[in-house]
């Protein structure tokens, strides 16, 4: 989830682009992909890993 500069990123499920995350977001919040501009919802799986899901 963190890149070389220490900034967190998650992968867009639609275009596979890296979506920058501030780190203070919570599950259920909406973010937008910087490439395809799709609305995405932050989710957390059972292993406490964050991922993005399209939010249409």
Protein backbone atom coordinates (compact mmCIF):
# COMPACT_ATOMS: atom_id res chain seq x y z
CA UNK A 1 0.00 0.00 0.00
CA UNK A 2 2.97 2.40 0.39
CA UNK A 3 5.24 3.43 -2.45
CA UNK A 4 8.94 4.39 -2.31
CA UNK A 5 8.20 7.92 -1.11
CA UNK A 6 6.12 6.58 1.78
CA UNK A 7 2.80 7.75 0.35
CA UNK A 8 0.01 5.18 0.45
CA UNK A 9 -1.64 4.00 -2.75
CA UNK A 10 -4.42 1.58 -3.61
CA UNK A 11 -5.12 0.10 -7.04
CA UNK A 12 -8.15 1.22 -9.04
CA UNK A 13 -10.29 -1.86 -9.78
CA UNK A 14 -11.32 -0.42 -13.17
CA UNK A 15 -8.08 0.78 -14.78
CA UNK A 16 -5.35 -0.61 -12.44
CA UNK A 17 -3.97 2.88 -11.86
CA UNK A 18 -2.46 3.66 -8.45
CA UNK A 19 -4.78 5.90 -6.41
CA UNK A 20 -2.96 8.03 -3.79
CA UNK A 21 -4.40 7.80 -0.28
CA UNK A 22 -3.61 10.27 2.52
CA UNK A 23 -3.79 7.57 5.17
CA UNK A 24 -6.49 9.19 7.29
CA UNK A 25 -9.38 7.85 5.17
CA UNK A 26 -11.81 5.39 6.72
CA UNK A 27 -13.68 2.45 5.17
CA UNK A 28 -16.80 3.71 3.41
CA UNK A 29 -15.29 7.02 2.28
CA UNK A 30 -15.37 7.90 -1.40
CA UNK A 31 -12.27 8.77 -3.45
CA UNK A 32 -11.78 9.27 -7.19
CA UNK A 33 -9.27 7.62 -9.50
CA UNK A 34 -6.86 10.27 -10.85
CA UNK A 35 -6.73 8.52 -14.25
CA UNK A 36 -10.24 7.30 -15.14
CA UNK A 37 -12.02 9.58 -12.58
CA UNK A 38 -14.23 6.70 -11.40
CA UNK A 39 -15.87 7.11 -7.98
CA UNK A 40 -14.40 4.51 -5.64
CA UNK A 41 -15.29 3.45 -2.11
CA UNK A 42 -12.59 2.47 0.39
CA UNK A 43 -13.21 -1.02 1.79
CA UNK A 44 -11.44 -3.24 4.32
CA UNK A 45 -11.27 -7.03 4.07
CA UNK A 46 -11.23 -9.60 6.89
CA UNK A 47 -7.42 -9.44 7.03
CA UNK A 48 -7.64 -5.65 7.67
CA UNK A 49 -6.24 -4.82 4.22
CA UNK A 50 -7.68 -1.82 2.41
CA UNK A 51 -8.92 -2.01 -1.18
CA UNK A 52 -11.06 0.04 -3.55
CA UNK A 53 -14.45 -0.89 -5.01
CA UNK A 54 -16.34 0.98 -7.73
CA UNK A 55 -19.07 3.18 -6.26
CA UNK A 56 -21.61 3.87 -9.01
